[in-house]
PDB file of N, CA and C in Angstrom:
ATOM      1  N   UNK A   1     -70.351  14.272  50.218  1.00  0.00           N
ATOM      2  CA  UNK A   1     -69.962  13.180  49.012  1.00  0.00           C
ATOM      3  C   UNK A   1     -69.555  13.790  47.806  1.00  0.00           C
ATOM      4  N   UNK A   2     -68.920  13.405  47.107  1.00  0.00           N
ATOM      5  CA  UNK A   2     -68.109  13.627  45.653  1.00  0.00           C
ATOM      6  C   UNK A   2     -69.484  12.824  44.735  1.00  0.00           C
ATOM      7  N   UNK A   3     -70.124  13.188  43.978  1.00  0.00           N
ATOM      8  CA  UNK A   3     -70.777  12.731  43.122  1.00  0.00           C
ATOM      9  C   UNK A   3     -70.086  12.319  41.602  1.00  0.00           C
ATOM     10  N   UNK A   4     -69.102  12.542  41.479  1.00  0.00           N
ATOM     11  CA  UNK A   4     -68.412  12.385  40.216  1.00  0.00           C
ATOM     12  C   UNK A   4     -67.907  11.001  39.963  1.00  0.00           C
ATOM     13  N   UNK A   5     -68.398  10.423  38.757  1.00  0.00           N
ATOM     14  CA  UNK A   5     -68.514   8.784  38.653  1.00  0.00           C
ATOM     15  C   UNK A   5     -66.843   8.694  38.455  1.00  0.00           C
ATOM     16  N   UNK A   6     -65.868   9.146  38.100  1.00  0.00           N
ATOM     17  CA  UNK A   6     -64.629   8.970  37.969  1.00  0.00           C
ATOM     18  C   UNK A   6     -63.953   8.958  39.083  1.00  0.00           C
ATOM     19  N   UNK A   7     -64.765   9.834  40.577  1.00  0.00           N
ATOM     20  CA  UNK A   7     -63.891   9.880  41.926  1.00  0.00           C
ATOM     21  C   UNK A   7     -64.669   8.800  42.681  1.00  0.00           C
ATOM     22  N   UNK A   8     -65.301   7.865  41.981  1.00  0.00           N
ATOM     23  CA  UNK A   8     -66.080   6.932  42.674  1.00  0.00           C
ATOM     24  C   UNK A   8     -66.318   5.572  41.790  1.00  0.00           C
ATOM     25  N   UNK A   9     -65.014   5.117  41.364  1.00  0.00           N
ATOM     26  CA  UNK A   9     -64.882   4.087  40.245  1.00  0.00           C
ATOM     27  C   UNK A   9     -65.026   2.490  41.117  1.00  0.00           C
ATOM     28  N   UNK A  10     -65.742   1.864  40.709  1.00  0.00           N
ATOM     29  CA  UNK A  10     -65.700   0.792  41.379  1.00  0.00           C
ATOM     30  C   UNK A  10     -64.207  -0.220  40.766  1.00  0.00           C
ATOM     31  N   UNK A  11     -63.389  -0.308  42.072  1.00  0.00           N
ATOM     32  CA  UNK A  11     -62.302  -1.287  41.910  1.00  0.00           C
ATOM     33  C   UNK A  11     -62.483  -2.181  41.033  1.00  0.00           C
ATOM     34  N   UNK A  12     -63.178  -3.040  40.746  1.00  0.00           N
ATOM     35  CA  UNK A  12     -63.394  -4.578  39.610  1.00  0.00           C
ATOM     36  C   UNK A  12     -63.190  -3.473  38.164  1.00  0.00           C
ATOM     37  N   UNK A  13     -63.505  -2.431  37.637  1.00  0.00           N
ATOM     38  CA  UNK A  13     -63.676  -1.845  36.838  1.00  0.00           C
ATOM     39  C   UNK A  13     -62.111  -1.334  36.419  1.00  0.00           C
ATOM     40  N   UNK A  14     -61.404  -1.260  37.173  1.00  0.00           N
ATOM     41  CA  UNK A  14     -59.915  -0.574  37.077  1.00  0.00           C
ATOM     42  C   UNK A  14     -58.797  -2.176  36.475  1.00  0.00           C
ATOM     43  N   UNK A  15     -58.323  -1.855  35.131  1.00  0.00           N
ATOM     44  CA  UNK A  15     -57.659  -2.524  34.467  1.00  0.00           C
ATOM     45  C   UNK A  15     -56.028  -2.132  35.026  1.00  0.00           C
ATOM     46  N   UNK A  16     -55.698  -1.264  35.308  1.00  0.00           N
ATOM     47  CA  UNK A  16     -54.423  -0.951  35.524  1.00  0.00           C
ATOM     48  C   UNK A  16     -54.154   0.563  36.652  1.00  0.00           C
ATOM     49  N   UNK A  17     -53.722   0.448  37.519  1.00  0.00           N
ATOM     50  CA  UNK A  17     -53.508   1.710  38.405  1.00  0.00           C
ATOM     51  C   UNK A  17     -51.795   2.153  37.853  1.00  0.00           C
ATOM     52  N   UNK A  18     -51.753   3.531  38.334  1.00  0.00           N
ATOM     53  CA  UNK A  18     -50.408   3.991  38.128  1.00  0.00           C
ATOM     54  C   UNK A  18     -50.202   5.085  39.390  1.00  0.00           C
ATOM     55  N   UNK A  19     -49.438   5.497  39.555  1.00  0.00           N
ATOM     56  CA  UNK A  19     -49.368   6.608  40.634  1.00  0.00           C
ATOM     57  C   UNK A  19     -50.531   7.600  40.719  1.00  0.00           C
ATOM     58  N   UNK A  20     -50.722   8.112  39.434  1.00  0.00           N
ATOM     59  CA  UNK A  20     -51.675   9.386  39.525  1.00  0.00           C
ATOM     60  C   UNK A  20     -52.793   9.160  38.641  1.00  0.00           C
ATOM     61  N   UNK A  21     -52.802   7.724  37.885  1.00  0.00           N
ATOM     62  CA  UNK A  21     -53.816   7.768  37.261  1.00  0.00           C
ATOM     63  C   UNK A  21     -54.487   6.146  37.213  1.00  0.00           C
ATOM     64  N   UNK A  22     -55.598   6.122  37.043  1.00  0.00           N
ATOM     65  CA  UNK A  22     -56.352   4.728  37.001  1.00  0.00           C
ATOM     66  C   UNK A  22     -56.843   4.466  35.192  1.00  0.00           C
ATOM     67  N   UNK A  23     -56.668   2.950  34.729  1.00  0.00           N
ATOM     68  CA  UNK A  23     -57.076   2.920  33.594  1.00  0.00           C
ATOM     69  C   UNK A  23     -58.150   1.883  33.324  1.00  0.00           C
ATOM     70  N   UNK A  24     -59.563   2.241  33.157  1.00  0.00           N
ATOM     71  CA  UNK A  24     -60.711   1.575  33.133  1.00  0.00           C
ATOM     72  C   UNK A  24     -61.106   1.233  31.067  1.00  0.00           C
ATOM     73  N   UNK A  25     -61.592   0.530  31.139  1.00  0.00           N
ATOM     74  CA  UNK A  25     -62.057   0.204  29.558  1.00  0.00           C
ATOM     75  C   UNK A  25     -63.285   1.419  29.680  1.00  0.00           C
ATOM     76  N   UNK A  26     -63.604   1.618  28.352  1.00  0.00           N
ATOM     77  CA  UNK A  26     -64.615   2.731  27.993  1.00  0.00           C
ATOM     78  C   UNK A  26     -65.848   1.898  28.157  1.00  0.00           C
ATOM     79  N   UNK A  27     -66.942   2.507  28.837  1.00  0.00           N
ATOM     80  CA  UNK A  27     -68.078   2.069  28.744  1.00  0.00           C
ATOM     81  C   UNK A  27     -69.157   1.911  27.335  1.00  0.00           C
ATOM     82  N   UNK A  28     -68.487   2.960  26.633  1.00  0.00           N
ATOM     83  CA  UNK A  28     -69.350   2.669  25.129  1.00  0.00           C
ATOM     84  C   UNK A  28     -68.249   2.669  24.282  1.00  0.00           C
ATOM     85  N   UNK A  29     -67.281   1.600  24.205  1.00  0.00           N
ATOM     86  CA  UNK A  29     -66.595   1.974  23.031  1.00  0.00           C
ATOM     87  C   UNK A  29     -66.416   1.935  21.871  1.00  0.00           C
ATOM     88  N   UNK A  30     -65.365   2.680  21.031  1.00  0.00           N
ATOM     89  CA  UNK A  30     -65.746   2.791  19.893  1.00  0.00           C
ATOM     90  C   UNK A  30     -65.083   1.761  19.086  1.00  0.00           C
ATOM     91  N   UNK A  31     -63.952   0.944  19.520  1.00  0.00           N
ATOM     92  CA  UNK A  31     -63.353  -0.039  19.239  1.00  0.00           C
ATOM     93  C   UNK A  31     -63.082  -1.081  20.315  1.00  0.00           C
ATOM     94  N   UNK A  32     -62.635  -2.105  19.956  1.00  0.00           N
ATOM     95  CA  UNK A  32     -62.542  -3.139  21.078  1.00  0.00           C
ATOM     96  C   UNK A  32     -60.883  -2.487  22.037  1.00  0.00           C
ATOM     97  N   UNK A  33     -61.021  -2.434  22.781  1.00  0.00           N
ATOM     98  CA  UNK A  33     -60.119  -2.103  23.860  1.00  0.00           C
ATOM     99  C   UNK A  33     -59.791  -0.817  24.434  1.00  0.00           C
ATOM    100  N   UNK A  34     -60.961   0.349  23.816  1.00  0.00           N
ATOM    101  CA  UNK A  34     -60.742   1.572  23.820  1.00  0.00           C
ATOM    102  C   UNK A  34     -61.110   1.695  26.051  1.00  0.00           C
ATOM    103  N   UNK A  35     -59.713   2.445  26.128  1.00  0.00           N
ATOM    104  CA  UNK A  35     -59.558   2.773  27.040  1.00  0.00           C
ATOM    105  C   UNK A  35     -59.841   3.774  27.529  1.00  0.00           C
ATOM    106  N   UNK A  36     -59.867   4.383  29.287  1.00  0.00           N
ATOM    107  CA  UNK A  36     -59.812   5.742  29.807  1.00  0.00           C
ATOM    108  C   UNK A  36     -58.271   5.879  30.647  1.00  0.00           C
ATOM    109  N   UNK A  37     -57.766   6.708  30.478  1.00  0.00           N
ATOM    110  CA  UNK A  37     -56.693   6.827  31.519  1.00  0.00           C
ATOM    111  C   UNK A  37     -57.646   8.272  32.323  1.00  0.00           C
ATOM    112  N   UNK A  38     -57.543   7.947  33.522  1.00  0.00           N
ATOM    113  CA  UNK A  38     -58.152   9.043  34.689  1.00  0.00           C
ATOM    114  C   UNK A  38     -57.156   9.336  35.481  1.00  0.00           C
ATOM    115  N   UNK A  39     -57.556  10.672  36.127  1.00  0.00           N
ATOM    116  CA  UNK A  39     -56.732  10.807  36.765  1.00  0.00           C
ATOM    117  C   UNK A  39     -57.383  10.831  38.188  1.00  0.00           C
ATOM    118  N   UNK A  40     -56.373  10.178  39.407  1.00  0.00           N
ATOM    119  CA  UNK A  40     -56.791   9.784  40.717  1.00  0.00           C
ATOM    120  C   UNK A  40     -57.389  11.055  41.778  1.00  0.00           C
ATOM    121  N   UNK A  41     -56.647  12.311  41.004  1.00  0.00           N
ATOM    122  CA  UNK A  41     -57.116  13.288  41.874  1.00  0.00           C
ATOM    123  C   UNK A  41     -58.256  13.843  40.780  1.00  0.00           C
ATOM    124  N   UNK A  42     -59.113  14.527  41.338  1.00  0.00           N
ATOM    125  CA  UNK A  42     -60.444  15.338  40.799  1.00  0.00           C
ATOM    126  C   UNK A  42     -60.103  16.792  40.194  1.00  0.00           C
ATOM    127  N   UNK A  43     -59.562  16.272  39.019  1.00  0.00           N
ATOM    128  CA  UNK A  43     -59.347  17.782  37.775  1.00  0.00           C
ATOM    129  C   UNK A  43     -60.200  17.769  36.886  1.00  0.00           C
ATOM    130  N   UNK A  44     -60.652  18.902  36.569  1.00  0.00           N
ATOM    131  CA  UNK A  44     -61.866  18.822  35.211  1.00  0.00           C
ATOM    132  C   UNK A  44     -60.998  18.557  33.889  1.00  0.00           C
ATOM    133  N   UNK A  45     -59.912  18.946  34.047  1.00  0.00           N
ATOM    134  CA  UNK A  45     -59.107  18.920  32.876  1.00  0.00           C
ATOM    135  C   UNK A  45     -57.559  18.937  32.646  1.00  0.00           C
ATOM    136  N   UNK A  46     -57.196  18.013  31.756  1.00  0.00           N
ATOM    137  CA  UNK A  46     -55.601  18.394  31.154  1.00  0.00           C
ATOM    138  C   UNK A  46     -54.968  19.530  31.816  1.00  0.00           C
ATOM    139  N   UNK A  47     -55.725  20.622  31.453  1.00  0.00           N
ATOM    140  CA  UNK A  47     -55.212  22.101  31.549  1.00  0.00           C
ATOM    141  C   UNK A  47     -54.882  22.159  33.089  1.00  0.00           C
ATOM    142  N   UNK A  48     -55.420  21.488  34.051  1.00  0.00           N
ATOM    143  CA  UNK A  48     -55.372  21.707  35.436  1.00  0.00           C
ATOM    144  C   UNK A  48     -54.264  20.725  36.018  1.00  0.00           C
ATOM    145  N   UNK A  49     -53.869  19.750  35.370  1.00  0.00           N
ATOM    146  CA  UNK A  49     -52.810  18.809  36.147  1.00  0.00           C
ATOM    147  C   UNK A  49     -51.817  18.886  36.720  1.00  0.00           C
ATOM    148  N   UNK A  50     -51.200  18.668  37.444  1.00  0.00           N
ATOM    149  CA  UNK A  50     -49.860  18.726  37.731  1.00  0.00           C
ATOM    150  C   UNK A  50     -48.725  18.647  37.233  1.00  0.00           C
ATOM    151  N   UNK A  51     -47.925  18.708  37.337  1.00  0.00           N
ATOM    152  CA  UNK A  51     -46.452  18.568  36.597  1.00  0.00           C
ATOM    153  C   UNK A  51     -46.121  16.648  36.544  1.00  0.00           C
ATOM    154  N   UNK A  52     -46.235  16.399  37.860  1.00  0.00           N
ATOM    155  CA  UNK A  52     -46.326  15.118  38.120  1.00  0.00           C
ATOM    156  C   UNK A  52     -47.142  14.225  37.310  1.00  0.00           C
ATOM    157  N   UNK A  53     -48.374  14.755  37.284  1.00  0.00           N
ATOM    158  CA  UNK A  53     -49.655  14.049  36.547  1.00  0.00           C
ATOM    159  C   UNK A  53     -49.226  14.256  34.816  1.00  0.00           C
ATOM    160  N   UNK A  54     -48.749  15.472  34.706  1.00  0.00           N
ATOM    161  CA  UNK A  54     -48.135  15.404  33.159  1.00  0.00           C
ATOM    162  C   UNK A  54     -46.817  14.625  32.906  1.00  0.00           C
ATOM    163  N   UNK A  55     -46.476  14.157  33.752  1.00  0.00           N
ATOM    164  CA  UNK A  55     -45.037  13.989  33.373  1.00  0.00           C
ATOM    165  C   UNK A  55     -45.244  12.107  33.162  1.00  0.00           C
ATOM    166  N   UNK A  56     -46.233  11.638  33.586  1.00  0.00           N
ATOM    167  CA  UNK A  56     -46.729  10.197  33.867  1.00  0.00           C
ATOM    168  C   UNK A  56     -47.648   9.821  32.720  1.00  0.00           C
ATOM    169  N   UNK A  57     -48.173  10.812  31.892  1.00  0.00           N
ATOM    170  CA  UNK A  57     -49.062  10.713  30.808  1.00  0.00           C
ATOM    171  C   UNK A  57     -48.135   9.695  29.725  1.00  0.00           C
ATOM    172  N   UNK A  58     -47.127  10.285  29.567  1.00  0.00           N
ATOM    173  CA  UNK A  58     -46.421   9.416  28.214  1.00  0.00           C
ATOM    174  C   UNK A  58     -45.999   7.978  28.763  1.00  0.00           C
ATOM    175  N   UNK A  59     -45.974   8.022  29.950  1.00  0.00           N
ATOM    176  CA  UNK A  59     -45.489   6.593  30.401  1.00  0.00           C
ATOM    177  C   UNK A  59     -47.077   5.468  30.338  1.00  0.00           C
ATOM    178  N   UNK A  60     -48.155   6.136  30.512  1.00  0.00           N
ATOM    179  CA  UNK A  60     -49.049   5.182  30.898  1.00  0.00           C
ATOM    180  C   UNK A  60     -49.470   5.021  29.566  1.00  0.00           C
ATOM    181  N   UNK A  61     -49.426   5.868  28.460  1.00  0.00           N
ATOM    182  CA  UNK A  61     -49.934   5.733  27.152  1.00  0.00           C
ATOM    183  C   UNK A  61     -49.077   4.927  26.497  1.00  0.00           C
ATOM    184  N   UNK A  62     -47.438   4.808  26.374  1.00  0.00           N
ATOM    185  CA  UNK A  62     -46.766   3.934  25.942  1.00  0.00           C
ATOM    186  C   UNK A  62     -46.776   2.098  26.440  1.00  0.00           C
ATOM    187  N   UNK A  63     -47.051   2.312  27.751  1.00  0.00           N
ATOM    188  CA  UNK A  63     -47.610   0.944  28.402  1.00  0.00           C
ATOM    189  C   UNK A  63     -48.817   0.693  27.778  1.00  0.00           C
ATOM    190  N   UNK A  64     -49.729   0.765  27.596  1.00  0.00           N
ATOM    191  CA  UNK A  64     -50.794   0.719  27.092  1.00  0.00           C
ATOM    192  C   UNK A  64     -50.757   0.403  25.669  1.00  0.00           C
ATOM    193  N   UNK A  65     -50.006   1.118  25.010  1.00  0.00           N
ATOM    194  CA  UNK A  65     -49.720   0.684  23.428  1.00  0.00           C
ATOM    195  C   UNK A  65     -49.267  -0.630  23.315  1.00  0.00           C
ATOM    196  N   UNK A  66     -47.852  -1.152  24.126  1.00  0.00           N
ATOM    197  CA  UNK A  66     -47.566  -1.767  23.781  1.00  0.00           C
ATOM    198  C   UNK A  66     -48.556  -3.211  24.555  1.00  0.00           C
ATOM    199  N   UNK A  67     -48.862  -2.953  25.638  1.00  0.00           N
ATOM    200  CA  UNK A  67     -50.128  -4.130  26.143  1.00  0.00           C
ATOM    201  C   UNK A  67     -51.011  -4.745  24.853  1.00  0.00           C
ATOM    202  N   UNK A  68     -51.750  -3.446  24.277  1.00  0.00           N
ATOM    203  CA  UNK A  68     -52.819  -3.437  23.855  1.00  0.00           C
ATOM    204  C   UNK A  68     -52.316  -4.111  22.185  1.00  0.00           C
ATOM    205  N   UNK A  69     -50.863  -4.222  21.559  1.00  0.00           N
ATOM    206  CA  UNK A  69     -50.693  -4.392  20.376  1.00  0.00           C
ATOM    207  C   UNK A  69     -50.324  -6.451  20.833  1.00  0.00           C
ATOM    208  N   UNK A  70     -49.963  -6.516  21.861  1.00  0.00           N
ATOM    209  CA  UNK A  70     -49.635  -8.008  22.390  1.00  0.00           C
ATOM    210  C   UNK A  70     -50.729  -8.654  22.349  1.00  0.00           C
ATOM    211  N   UNK A  71     -52.023  -8.034  22.578  1.00  0.00           N
ATOM    212  CA  UNK A  71     -53.459  -8.253  23.199  1.00  0.00           C
ATOM    213  C   UNK A  71     -54.008  -8.575  21.931  1.00  0.00           C
ATOM    214  N   UNK A  72     -54.103  -7.902  21.100  1.00  0.00           N
ATOM    215  CA  UNK A  72     -54.321  -7.757  19.658  1.00  0.00           C
ATOM    216  C   UNK A  72     -53.549  -7.451  18.588  1.00  0.00           C
ATOM    217  N   UNK A  73     -53.072  -8.555  17.982  1.00  0.00           N
ATOM    218  CA  UNK A  73     -51.987  -7.950  16.812  1.00  0.00           C
ATOM    219  C   UNK A  73     -52.449  -7.520  15.260  1.00  0.00           C
ATOM    220  N   UNK A  74     -53.971  -7.366  15.417  1.00  0.00           N
ATOM    221  CA  UNK A  74     -54.670  -6.697  14.495  1.00  0.00           C
ATOM    222  C   UNK A  74     -54.658  -4.867  14.769  1.00  0.00           C
ATOM    223  N   UNK A  75     -54.046  -4.581  15.475  1.00  0.00           N
ATOM    224  CA  UNK A  75     -54.311  -3.221  16.032  1.00  0.00           C
ATOM    225  C   UNK A  75     -52.942  -2.304  15.268  1.00  0.00           C
ATOM    226  N   UNK A  76     -53.424  -1.361  14.221  1.00  0.00           N
ATOM    227  CA  UNK A  76     -52.231  -0.620  13.278  1.00  0.00           C
ATOM    228  C   UNK A  76     -51.957   0.165  13.702  1.00  0.00           C
ATOM    229  N   UNK A  77     -52.999   1.266  14.714  1.00  0.00           N
ATOM    230  CA  UNK A  77     -52.976   2.964  15.003  1.00  0.00           C
ATOM    231  C   UNK A  77     -53.550   3.147  15.846  1.00  0.00           C
ATOM    232  N   UNK A  78     -53.608   4.234  16.653  1.00  0.00           N
ATOM    233  CA  UNK A  78     -54.329   4.674  17.897  1.00  0.00           C
ATOM    234  C   UNK A  78     -54.827   6.226  17.511  1.00  0.00           C
ATOM    235  N   UNK A  79     -55.964   6.526  18.287  1.00  0.00           N
ATOM    236  CA  UNK A  79     -56.403   8.010  18.316  1.00  0.00           C
ATOM    237  C   UNK A  79     -56.198   7.699  20.033  1.00  0.00           C
ATOM    238  N   UNK A  80     -55.636   9.248  19.875  1.00  0.00           N
ATOM    239  CA  UNK A  80     -55.808   9.620  21.425  1.00  0.00           C
ATOM    240  C   UNK A  80     -56.131  10.973  21.694  1.00  0.00           C
ATOM    241  N   UNK A  81     -56.879  11.178  22.608  1.00  0.00           N
ATOM    242  CA  UNK A  81     -57.876  12.275  22.824  1.00  0.00           C
ATOM    243  C   UNK A  81     -58.639  12.719  24.143  1.00  0.00           C
ATOM    244  N   UNK A  82     -58.896  14.103  24.006  1.00  0.00           N
ATOM    245  CA  UNK A  82     -59.513  14.392  25.280  1.00  0.00           C
ATOM    246  C   UNK A  82     -60.734  15.599  25.037  1.00  0.00           C
ATOM    247  N   UNK A  83     -61.625  15.562  25.359  1.00  0.00           N
ATOM    248  CA  UNK A  83     -62.700  16.523  25.465  1.00  0.00           C
ATOM    249  C   UNK A  83     -62.509  17.218  26.492  1.00  0.00           C
ATOM    250  N   UNK A  84     -62.238  18.575  26.114  1.00  0.00           N
ATOM    251  CA  UNK A  84     -61.771  19.715  27.052  1.00  0.00           C
ATOM    252  C   UNK A  84     -63.036  20.578  27.348  1.00  0.00           C
ATOM    253  N   UNK A  85     -64.214  21.184  27.830  1.00  0.00           N
ATOM    254  CA  UNK A  85     -65.052  21.764  28.040  1.00  0.00           C
ATOM    255  C   UNK A  85     -66.064  21.401  27.303  1.00  0.00           C
ATOM    256  N   UNK A  86     -67.286  22.021  28.149  1.00  0.00           N
ATOM    257  CA  UNK A  86     -68.719  21.269  27.021  1.00  0.00           C
ATOM    258  C   UNK A  86     -68.754  21.158  25.714  1.00  0.00           C
ATOM    259  N   UNK A  87     -68.377  22.346  25.301  1.00  0.00           N
ATOM    260  CA  UNK A  87     -68.457  22.716  23.562  1.00  0.00           C
ATOM    261  C   UNK A  87     -67.565  21.948  22.728  1.00  0.00           C
ATOM    262  N   UNK A  88     -66.538  21.321  23.560  1.00  0.00           N
ATOM    263  CA  UNK A  88     -65.583  20.149  23.123  1.00  0.00           C
ATOM    264  C   UNK A  88     -66.424  18.842  23.188  1.00  0.00           C
ATOM    265  N   UNK A  89     -67.364  18.761  23.568  1.00  0.00           N
ATOM    266  CA  UNK A  89     -68.026  17.409  23.992  1.00  0.00           C
ATOM    267  C   UNK A  89     -67.470  16.772  25.321  1.00  0.00           C
ATOM    268  N   UNK A  90     -66.951  17.286  26.157  1.00  0.00           N
ATOM    269  CA  UNK A  90     -66.779  17.029  27.355  1.00  0.00           C
ATOM    270  C   UNK A  90     -68.214  16.716  28.315  1.00  0.00           C
ATOM    271  N   UNK A  91     -68.225  15.556  28.634  1.00  0.00           N
ATOM    272  CA  UNK A  91     -69.452  15.261  29.513  1.00  0.00           C
ATOM    273  C   UNK A  91     -69.492  14.622  30.648  1.00  0.00           C
ATOM    274  N   UNK A  92     -68.082  14.204  31.335  1.00  0.00           N
ATOM    275  CA  UNK A  92     -67.785  13.861  32.606  1.00  0.00           C
ATOM    276  C   UNK A  92     -66.522  14.899  32.712  1.00  0.00           C
ATOM    277  N   UNK A  93     -66.918  15.563  33.800  1.00  0.00           N
ATOM    278  CA  UNK A  93     -66.103  17.098  34.169  1.00  0.00           C
ATOM    279  C   UNK A  93     -64.773  16.469  35.114  1.00  0.00           C
ATOM    280  N   UNK A  94     -63.855  15.368  34.864  1.00  0.00           N
ATOM    281  CA  UNK A  94     -63.140  15.138  35.733  1.00  0.00           C
ATOM    282  C   UNK A  94     -61.481  14.479  34.169  1.00  0.00           C
ATOM    283  N   UNK A  95     -60.725  14.876  34.354  1.00  0.00           N
ATOM    284  CA  UNK A  95     -59.916  14.869  33.341  1.00  0.00           C
ATOM    285  C   UNK A  95     -59.563  13.464  32.836  1.00  0.00           C
ATOM    286  N   UNK A  96     -60.006  12.790  31.899  1.00  0.00           N
ATOM    287  CA  UNK A  96     -59.382  11.386  31.205  1.00  0.00           C
ATOM    288  C   UNK A  96     -59.151  11.793  29.666  1.00  0.00           C
ATOM    289  N   UNK A  97     -58.289  10.776  29.424  1.00  0.00           N
ATOM    290  CA  UNK A  97     -57.876  10.834  28.181  1.00  0.00           C
ATOM    291  C   UNK A  97     -58.127   9.669  27.488  1.00  0.00           C
ATOM    292  N   UNK A  98     -58.796   9.716  26.212  1.00  0.00           N
ATOM    293  CA  UNK A  98     -59.286   8.402  25.379  1.00  0.00           C
ATOM    294  C   UNK A  98     -57.759   7.745  24.852  1.00  0.00           C
ATOM    295  N   UNK A  99     -57.613   6.292  24.740  1.00  0.00           N
ATOM    296  CA  UNK A  99     -56.682   5.872  23.819  1.00  0.00           C
ATOM    297  C   UNK A  99     -57.166   4.781  23.024  1.00  0.00           C
ATOM    298  N   UNK A 100     -58.046   4.743  21.769  1.00  0.00           N
ATOM    299  CA  UNK A 100     -58.612   4.346  21.147  1.00  0.00           C
ATOM    300  C   UNK A 100     -57.656   3.290  20.307  1.00  0.00           C
ATOM    301  N   UNK A 101     -57.845   2.071  20.153  1.00  0.00           N
ATOM    302  CA  UNK A 101     -56.792   1.323  19.235  1.00  0.00           C
ATOM    303  C   UNK A 101     -57.497   1.300  17.562  1.00  0.00           C
ATOM    304  N   UNK A 102     -57.098   1.446  16.672  1.00  0.00           N
ATOM    305  CA  UNK A 102     -57.335   1.387  15.255  1.00  0.00           C
ATOM    306  C   UNK A 102     -57.316  -0.354  14.422  1.00  0.00           C
ATOM    307  N   UNK A 103     -57.558  -0.677  13.850  1.00  0.00           N
ATOM    308  CA  UNK A 103     -57.633  -1.547  12.977  1.00  0.00           C
ATOM    309  C   UNK A 103     -57.671  -1.193  11.192  1.00  0.00           C
ATOM    310  N   UNK A 104     -56.854  -1.832  10.525  1.00  0.00           N
ATOM    311  CA  UNK A 104     -57.225  -1.333   9.380  1.00  0.00           C
ATOM    312  C   UNK A 104     -58.642  -1.990   8.839  1.00  0.00           C
ATOM    313  N   UNK A 105     -59.324  -1.201   8.375  1.00  0.00           N
ATOM    314  CA  UNK A 105     -60.543  -1.895   7.693  1.00  0.00           C
ATOM    315  C   UNK A 105     -61.966  -1.401   8.778  1.00  0.00           C
ATOM    316  N   UNK A 106     -61.400  -0.749   9.922  1.00  0.00           N
ATOM    317  CA  UNK A 106     -62.558  -0.731  11.280  1.00  0.00           C
ATOM    318  C   UNK A 106     -63.548   0.841  10.571  1.00  0.00           C
ATOM    319  N   UNK A 107     -62.866   1.379   9.483  1.00  0.00           N
ATOM    320  CA  UNK A 107     -63.743   2.350   8.944  1.00  0.00           C
ATOM    321  C   UNK A 107     -63.700   2.977   7.506  1.00  0.00           C
ATOM    322  N   UNK A 108     -64.445   3.214   6.762  1.00  0.00           N
ATOM    323  CA  UNK A 108     -64.182   3.059   5.244  1.00  0.00           C
ATOM    324  C   UNK A 108     -63.074   4.003   4.588  1.00  0.00           C
ATOM    325  N   UNK A 109     -62.958   5.204   5.719  1.00  0.00           N
ATOM    326  CA  UNK A 109     -61.960   5.822   5.231  1.00  0.00           C
ATOM    327  C   UNK A 109     -61.616   7.168   6.224  1.00  0.00           C
ATOM    328  N   UNK A 110     -60.043   6.532   6.983  1.00  0.00           N
ATOM    329  CA  UNK A 110     -59.840   6.912   8.279  1.00  0.00           C
ATOM    330  C   UNK A 110     -59.069   8.284   8.275  1.00  0.00           C
ATOM    331  N   UNK A 111     -58.882   8.960   6.790  1.00  0.00           N
ATOM    332  CA  UNK A 111     -58.132  10.303   6.612  1.00  0.00           C
ATOM    333  C   UNK A 111     -58.624  11.096   7.115  1.00  0.00           C
ATOM    334  N   UNK A 112     -57.988  11.834   8.142  1.00  0.00           N
ATOM    335  CA  UNK A 112     -58.444  13.268   8.610  1.00  0.00           C
ATOM    336  C   UNK A 112     -58.351  13.004  10.224  1.00  0.00           C
ATOM    337  N   UNK A 113     -58.466  11.722  10.938  1.00  0.00           N
ATOM    338  CA  UNK A 113     -58.516  10.937  11.962  1.00  0.00           C
ATOM    339  C   UNK A 113     -59.558  11.602  13.063  1.00  0.00           C
ATOM    340  N   UNK A 114     -58.682  12.478  13.753  1.00  0.00           N
ATOM    341  CA  UNK A 114     -59.247  13.247  14.994  1.00  0.00           C
ATOM    342  C   UNK A 114     -59.855  14.518  14.353  1.00  0.00           C
ATOM    343  N   UNK A 115     -59.636  14.756  13.023  1.00  0.00           N
ATOM    344  CA  UNK A 115     -60.631  15.851  12.447  1.00  0.00           C
ATOM    345  C   UNK A 115     -62.083  15.712  12.106  1.00  0.00           C
ATOM    346  N   UNK A 116     -62.382  14.220  12.426  1.00  0.00           N
ATOM    347  CA  UNK A 116     -63.877  14.390  12.515  1.00  0.00           C
ATOM    348  C   UNK A 116     -64.914  14.277  13.693  1.00  0.00           C
ATOM    349  N   UNK A 117     -64.110  15.330  14.613  1.00  0.00           N
ATOM    350  CA  UNK A 117     -65.089  15.751  15.659  1.00  0.00           C
ATOM    351  C   UNK A 117     -65.809  16.820  14.964  1.00  0.00           C
ATOM    352  N   UNK A 118     -65.328  17.317  13.909  1.00  0.00           N
ATOM    353  CA  UNK A 118     -65.956  18.424  13.079  1.00  0.00           C
ATOM    354  C   UNK A 118     -66.138  17.686  11.547  1.00  0.00           C
ATOM    355  N   UNK A 119     -67.272  16.800  11.293  1.00  0.00           N
ATOM    356  CA  UNK A 119     -67.311  16.073  10.264  1.00  0.00           C
ATOM    357  C   UNK A 119     -67.075  16.525   8.872  1.00  0.00           C
ATOM    358  N   UNK A 120     -67.447  18.046   9.061  1.00  0.00           N
ATOM    359  CA  UNK A 120     -67.423  18.504   7.689  1.00  0.00           C
ATOM    360  C   UNK A 120     -65.472  18.847   7.261  1.00  0.00           C
ATOM    361  N   UNK A 121     -65.133  18.870   8.652  1.00  0.00           N
ATOM    362  CA  UNK A 121     -63.580  19.240   8.277  1.00  0.00           C
ATOM    363  C   UNK A 121     -62.570  18.010   8.120  1.00  0.00           C
ATOM    364  N   UNK A 122     -63.090  16.915   8.257  1.00  0.00           N
ATOM    365  CA  UNK A 122     -62.000  15.393   8.202  1.00  0.00           C
ATOM    366  C   UNK A 122     -61.530  15.450   6.787  1.00  0.00           C
ATOM    367  N   UNK A 123     -62.603  15.558   5.631  1.00  0.00           N
ATOM    368  CA  UNK A 123     -61.909  15.407   4.598  1.00  0.00           C
ATOM    369  C   UNK A 123     -60.983  16.574   4.250  1.00  0.00           C
ATOM    370  N   UNK A 124     -59.854  16.491   3.862  1.00  0.00           N
ATOM    371  CA  UNK A 124     -58.948  17.756   3.419  1.00  0.00           C
ATOM    372  C   UNK A 124     -58.213  17.544   2.096  1.00  0.00           C
TER     373      UNK A 124
END
């Protein structure tokens, strides 16, 4: 039996389902509505996704963006990202994409955004 937690998602955690992906809320959210887009098929990273999976990603992201902005009018931006490999911070080795809604004032200075993965490089 596969012990990958993303291969064994409890159905009540799934907020959306697409042809190739599930969407769940992040268990340790950075901001409210922070969600994970998870491949149904077990692949370790984005780089192993099929063409069909790659083609569906923009549809899922666009749909979630629209839904989130309807659910919360205070959302003014998004961070979208993946951790691929241990040295990039990946802890669950099953392809998943973070979509993190952002709001004005949720951090004192958001300049540099995803560059903050290496804090000394965020400010430029």
